[in-house]
Amino acid sequence: MGSIAFSGKAIIVKLAYRYGVDAVTLIMYRMLFALPIFATMAWWSSRGKPPLTRKDWWGVLGLGFTGYYLASFLDFAGLGYISASLERLILYLNPTIVVAMGWVLYRKPITRIQALGMAVCYAGVVLVFGHEINIQGANASLGAVLVFGSAISYAIYLVYSGQMVQRLGSIRLVGLATTVACLCCLLQFVLVRPMSAAIVAPEVIWLSVLNATACTAAPVLMVMMAIERLGAGLAAQVGMVGPLSTILMGVVILGEPFTGWVAAGTVLVVAGIYVFTRSGR
């Protein structure tokens, strides 16, 4: 349920873009409605716990900026140029980016099976991207770069959040980091847009409420509860339903084409991630 709810975010963003709103305004509304939920989560999980040190606060600020603000903004911006299906497949490469960063930063070895899984994943994305660029033109390249930047930004969060999760707890860290991200998005809107830009179609408001609750706050909690009960490995394998649900909703709700190229690319990406995660265990 968490993976399917997460995958609905791209569909809602694409629907909102049909009403002439831009990425800065749209992400501002999403975070505005999500802020009370995440602030409450941070307060609730901090009860009875020792206060954060200065080092902890710097860590929370950095992780909130990279993992939730920058990753979300680049993702929203990229969705203005590519389909929801390609966006989800690119974001699904995140585990491979984490492992690649581990090799670059800490010299953690990459096994041959992992390398094979990574190669299959990226071949699938290139296949879908090649089909997309024939439809969208050069804009598809910009959109793919923005979304891939989002995946890298979130991978940075995952790489550097390990020690803080152990020290603060997952719910407390997520609540604090996402609260920071919400404030960053609100500040960004105030700095780069006139207040008149906040006047949008009523449909954008309702889509943003749905995005903040059903596709942001709720799946965060559901995935965390799943990891607690299943473990990260099995939860990641169950999460493979995410790209498939995005493609299905894109076809049914947005009317995006489902071609043999998209099907073949999706099979390659999902199969590659399956091989990659199994070998990582």
Protein backbone atom coordinates (compact mmCIF):
# COMPACT_ATOMS: atom_id res chain seq x y z
CA MET A 1 0.00 0.00 0.00
CA GLY A 2 2.84 2.37 0.80
CA SER A 3 4.57 1.73 -2.51
CA ILE A 4 1.36 2.23 -4.48
CA ALA A 5 0.58 5.43 -2.56
CA PHE A 6 4.08 6.76 -3.21
CA SER A 7 3.72 6.01 -6.91
CA GLY A 8 0.53 8.09 -7.07
CA LYS A 9 2.52 11.25 -6.38
CA ALA A 10 3.71 11.51 -9.98
CA ILE A 11 0.16 11.07 -11.26
CA ILE A 12 -1.14 13.89 -9.06
CA VAL A 13 1.70 16.20 -10.12
CA LYS A 14 1.00 15.56 -13.79
CA LEU A 15 -2.71 16.25 -13.24
CA ALA A 16 -1.93 19.52 -11.43
CA TYR A 17 0.32 20.71 -14.26
CA ARG A 18 -2.72 20.69 -16.53
CA TYR A 19 -4.03 23.72 -14.59
CA GLY A 20 -1.03 25.91 -15.44
CA VAL A 21 0.77 25.75 -12.09
CA ASP A 22 4.58 25.64 -11.92
CA ALA A 23 6.85 23.36 -9.87
CA VAL A 24 7.74 25.99 -7.23
CA THR A 25 4.11 26.75 -6.44
CA LEU A 26 2.98 23.15 -6.61
CA ILE A 27 5.63 21.83 -4.22
CA MET A 28 4.93 24.76 -1.89
CA TYR A 29 1.30 23.69 -1.55
CA ARG A 30 2.24 20.05 -1.09
CA MET A 31 4.64 20.88 1.74
CA LEU A 32 2.30 23.46 3.26
CA PHE A 33 -0.35 20.81 3.81
CA ALA A 34 2.19 18.17 4.86
CA LEU A 35 3.96 20.43 7.39
CA PRO A 36 1.46 19.97 10.29
CA ILE A 37 1.61 16.19 9.86
CA PHE A 38 5.40 15.96 9.90
CA ALA A 39 5.78 18.54 12.67
CA THR A 40 3.39 16.48 14.80
CA MET A 41 5.36 13.34 13.96
CA ALA A 42 8.60 15.04 15.05
CA TRP A 43 7.05 16.29 18.31
CA TRP A 44 5.43 12.95 19.15
CA SER A 45 8.59 10.92 18.56
CA SER A 46 10.71 13.40 20.56
CA ARG A 47 8.72 13.08 23.78
CA GLY A 48 10.90 11.89 26.64
CA LYS A 49 14.00 11.83 24.43
CA PRO A 50 17.17 13.85 25.06
CA PRO A 51 17.38 17.15 23.12
CA LEU A 52 19.34 17.30 19.91
CA THR A 53 22.94 18.47 20.02
CA ARG A 54 24.27 21.15 17.69
CA LYS A 55 25.82 18.40 15.55
CA ASP A 56 22.46 16.63 15.40
CA TRP A 57 20.71 19.80 14.24
CA TRP A 58 23.26 20.35 11.47
CA GLY A 59 22.75 16.75 10.41
CA VAL A 60 18.96 17.15 10.37
CA LEU A 61 19.25 20.36 8.33
CA GLY A 62 21.56 18.73 5.79
CA LEU A 63 19.50 15.58 5.44
CA GLY A 64 16.24 17.53 5.23
CA PHE A 65 17.68 19.73 2.48
CA THR A 66 19.10 16.92 0.34
CA GLY A 67 16.76 14.03 1.04
CA TYR A 68 13.39 15.75 0.99
CA TYR A 69 13.61 19.34 -0.25
CA LEU A 70 16.07 19.09 -3.15
CA ALA A 71 15.01 15.57 -4.14
CA SER A 72 11.34 16.58 -4.18
CA PHE A 73 11.88 19.82 -6.08
CA LEU A 74 14.02 18.20 -8.80
CA ASP A 75 11.43 15.42 -9.12
CA PHE A 76 8.54 17.88 -9.48
CA ALA A 77 10.49 19.93 -12.02
CA GLY A 78 11.43 16.85 -14.05
CA LEU A 79 7.83 15.67 -14.23
CA GLY A 80 7.05 18.72 -16.30
CA TYR A 81 9.05 17.20 -19.18
CA ILE A 82 8.73 13.40 -19.00
CA SER A 83 6.04 10.82 -18.40
CA ALA A 84 5.18 9.47 -14.96
CA SER A 85 6.29 6.01 -16.11
CA LEU A 86 9.84 7.09 -16.99
CA GLU A 87 10.07 9.17 -13.81
CA ARG A 88 9.24 6.19 -11.61
CA LEU A 89 11.72 3.92 -13.42
CA ILE A 90 14.52 6.48 -12.95
CA LEU A 91 13.74 6.88 -9.25
CA TYR A 92 13.70 3.11 -8.91
CA LEU A 93 17.43 3.13 -9.70
CA ASN A 94 18.04 4.61 -6.24
CA PRO A 95 19.51 1.43 -4.64
CA THR A 96 22.11 1.20 -7.41
CA ILE A 97 23.13 4.83 -6.84
CA VAL A 98 23.53 4.16 -3.10
CA VAL A 99 25.84 1.22 -3.79
CA ALA A 100 27.81 3.23 -6.36
CA MET A 101 28.25 6.03 -3.82
CA GLY A 102 29.41 3.49 -1.26
CA TRP A 103 32.07 2.33 -3.70
CA VAL A 104 33.20 5.91 -4.45
CA LEU A 105 33.17 7.20 -0.86
CA TYR A 106 34.05 4.13 1.20
CA ARG A 107 35.53 1.72 -1.37
CA LYS A 108 32.86 -0.86 -0.63
CA PRO A 109 33.19 -3.53 -3.33
CA ILE A 110 30.51 -4.16 -5.94
CA THR A 111 30.00 -7.83 -6.74
CA ARG A 112 29.69 -9.16 -10.27
CA ILE A 113 26.03 -10.04 -9.70
CA GLN A 114 25.34 -6.53 -8.44
CA ALA A 115 27.11 -5.07 -11.48
CA LEU A 116 25.02 -7.30 -13.74
CA GLY A 117 21.80 -6.17 -12.02
CA MET A 118 22.84 -2.52 -12.38
CA ALA A 119 23.60 -2.99 -16.08
CA VAL A 120 20.19 -4.57 -16.70
CA CYS A 121 18.44 -1.74 -14.77
CA TYR A 122 20.11 1.04 -16.71
CA ALA A 123 19.54 -0.74 -20.01
CA GLY A 124 15.82 -0.74 -19.23
CA VAL A 125 15.79 2.96 -18.41
CA VAL A 126 17.74 3.80 -21.58
CA LEU A 127 15.23 1.76 -23.59
CA VAL A 128 12.25 3.70 -22.21
CA PHE A 129 14.13 7.01 -22.46
CA GLY A 130 14.92 6.37 -26.13
CA HIS A 131 11.22 5.88 -26.78
CA GLU A 132 10.32 8.96 -24.72
CA ILE A 133 12.73 11.30 -26.50
CA ASN A 134 11.07 10.45 -29.81
CA ILE A 135 7.77 11.68 -28.35
CA GLN A 136 8.79 14.58 -26.12
CA GLY A 137 11.87 15.74 -28.04
CA ALA A 138 14.86 17.40 -26.36
CA ASN A 139 12.78 18.28 -23.29
CA ALA A 140 12.86 14.60 -22.31
CA SER A 141 16.62 14.88 -21.75
CA LEU A 142 16.16 17.80 -19.34
CA GLY A 143 13.39 15.99 -17.49
CA ALA A 144 15.40 12.78 -17.18
CA VAL A 145 18.45 14.69 -15.88
CA LEU A 146 16.33 16.50 -13.27
CA VAL A 147 14.71 13.28 -12.04
CA PHE A 148 18.04 11.47 -11.97
CA GLY A 149 19.38 14.38 -9.93
CA SER A 150 16.47 13.79 -7.56
CA ALA A 151 17.49 10.13 -7.22
CA ILE A 152 21.09 11.13 -6.47
CA SER A 153 19.97 13.68 -3.88
CA TYR A 154 17.87 11.08 -2.08
CA ALA A 155 20.71 8.56 -2.29
CA ILE A 156 22.92 11.08 -0.47
CA TYR A 157 20.29 11.19 2.27
CA LEU A 158 20.29 7.39 2.54
CA VAL A 159 24.08 7.13 2.64
CA TYR A 160 24.54 9.71 5.38
CA SER A 161 21.44 9.03 7.47
CA GLY A 162 22.51 5.64 8.85
CA GLN A 163 24.23 6.85 12.01
CA MET A 164 21.57 9.46 12.73
CA VAL A 165 18.80 6.88 12.41
CA GLN A 166 20.51 4.77 15.07
CA ARG A 167 20.96 7.77 17.34
CA LEU A 168 17.61 9.54 16.91
CA GLY A 169 15.28 6.81 15.66
CA SER A 170 13.69 6.60 12.21
CA ILE A 171 10.37 8.31 13.00
CA ARG A 172 12.03 11.22 14.81
CA LEU A 173 14.59 11.75 12.05
CA VAL A 174 11.99 11.56 9.26
CA GLY A 175 9.69 13.94 11.13
CA LEU A 176 12.44 16.50 11.73
CA ALA A 177 14.02 16.23 8.27
CA THR A 178 10.71 16.51 6.43
CA THR A 179 9.74 19.50 8.59
CA VAL A 180 12.97 21.19 7.48
CA ALA A 181 12.13 20.35 3.86
CA CYS A 182 8.63 21.80 4.20
CA LEU A 183 10.04 25.08 5.54
CA CYS A 184 12.61 25.18 2.70
CA CYS A 185 9.84 24.83 0.09
CA LEU A 186 7.79 27.60 1.70
CA LEU A 187 10.84 29.87 1.87
CA GLN A 188 11.70 29.13 -1.75
CA PHE A 189 8.22 30.23 -2.86
CA VAL A 190 8.42 33.47 -0.85
CA LEU A 191 11.84 34.31 -2.31
CA VAL A 192 11.29 33.50 -6.00
CA ARG A 193 7.56 34.02 -6.60
CA PRO A 194 5.18 36.93 -5.93
CA MET A 195 2.39 36.19 -3.48
CA SER A 196 -0.07 36.48 -6.36
CA ALA A 197 1.36 33.20 -7.69
CA ALA A 198 -0.39 31.45 -4.79
CA ILE A 199 -3.72 32.07 -6.52
CA VAL A 200 -4.30 28.80 -8.35
CA ALA A 201 -7.23 26.75 -9.56
CA PRO A 202 -9.23 25.01 -6.78
CA GLU A 203 -8.35 21.67 -8.35
CA VAL A 204 -4.65 22.34 -7.63
CA ILE A 205 -5.44 22.89 -3.94
CA TRP A 206 -7.37 19.63 -3.62
CA LEU A 207 -4.74 17.70 -5.57
CA SER A 208 -2.06 19.14 -3.26
CA VAL A 209 -4.03 18.07 -0.17
CA LEU A 210 -4.30 14.57 -1.62
CA ASN A 211 -0.59 14.58 -2.47
CA ALA A 212 0.43 15.73 1.02
CA THR A 213 -1.68 13.15 2.84
CA ALA A 214 -2.26 10.04 0.74
CA CYS A 215 0.97 10.20 -1.31
CA THR A 216 3.43 11.71 1.18
CA ALA A 217 2.67 11.36 4.89
CA ALA A 218 0.67 8.11 4.82
CA PRO A 219 3.12 6.07 2.70
CA VAL A 220 6.08 7.26 4.79
CA LEU A 221 4.44 5.72 7.85
CA MET A 222 3.28 2.60 6.00
CA VAL A 223 6.71 1.83 4.54
CA MET A 224 8.40 2.41 7.92
CA MET A 225 5.89 0.04 9.59
CA ALA A 226 6.51 -2.51 6.82
CA ILE A 227 10.28 -2.37 7.25
CA GLU A 228 9.83 -2.86 10.99
CA ARG A 229 7.79 -6.03 10.37
CA LEU A 230 9.41 -7.45 7.23
CA GLY A 231 12.94 -6.11 7.24
CA ALA A 232 14.43 -3.78 4.63
CA GLY A 233 15.22 -6.53 2.09
CA LEU A 234 11.75 -8.04 1.82
CA ALA A 235 10.11 -4.63 2.03
CA ALA A 236 12.20 -3.50 -0.94
CA GLN A 237 11.13 -6.54 -2.96
CA VAL A 238 7.44 -5.93 -2.17
CA GLY A 239 8.06 -2.31 -3.20
CA MET A 240 8.69 -3.49 -6.76
CA VAL A 241 4.96 -3.02 -7.28
CA GLY A 242 5.64 0.75 -7.31
CA PRO A 243 6.77 1.18 -10.95
CA LEU A 244 4.02 -1.13 -12.18
CA SER A 245 1.32 0.81 -10.34
CA THR A 246 2.68 4.12 -11.68
CA ILE A 247 2.57 2.84 -15.24
CA LEU A 248 -0.96 1.48 -14.77
CA MET A 249 -2.25 4.74 -13.27
CA GLY A 250 -0.44 6.72 -15.97
CA VAL A 251 -2.23 4.76 -18.67
CA VAL A 252 -5.67 4.78 -17.00
CA ILE A 253 -5.72 8.28 -15.45
CA LEU A 254 -3.34 10.32 -17.61
CA GLY A 255 -3.80 8.51 -20.91
CA GLU A 256 -0.07 7.90 -21.32
CA PRO A 257 0.77 5.38 -24.06
CA PHE A 258 1.76 1.89 -23.02
CA THR A 259 3.97 0.47 -25.75
CA GLY A 260 6.18 -2.54 -26.12
CA TRP A 261 9.19 -0.30 -25.44
CA VAL A 262 7.78 0.77 -22.06
CA ALA A 263 6.86 -2.82 -21.20
CA ALA A 264 10.30 -4.15 -22.13
CA GLY A 265 12.10 -1.38 -20.25
CA THR A 266 9.99 -1.91 -17.14
CA VAL A 267 10.68 -5.65 -17.16
CA LEU A 268 14.42 -4.99 -17.42
CA VAL A 269 14.43 -2.44 -14.58
CA VAL A 270 12.36 -4.58 -12.20
CA ALA A 271 14.35 -7.72 -13.04
CA GLY A 272 17.64 -5.86 -12.62
CA ILE A 273 16.64 -4.47 -9.22
CA TYR A 274 15.49 -7.92 -8.12
CA VAL A 275 18.86 -9.44 -9.02
CA PHE A 276 20.65 -6.48 -7.46
CA THR A 277 18.81 -6.61 -4.12
CA ARG A 278 19.00 -10.40 -3.85
CA SER A 279 22.75 -10.33 -4.39
CA GLY A 280 23.10 -7.52 -1.84
CA ARG A 281 21.61 -9.73 0.86
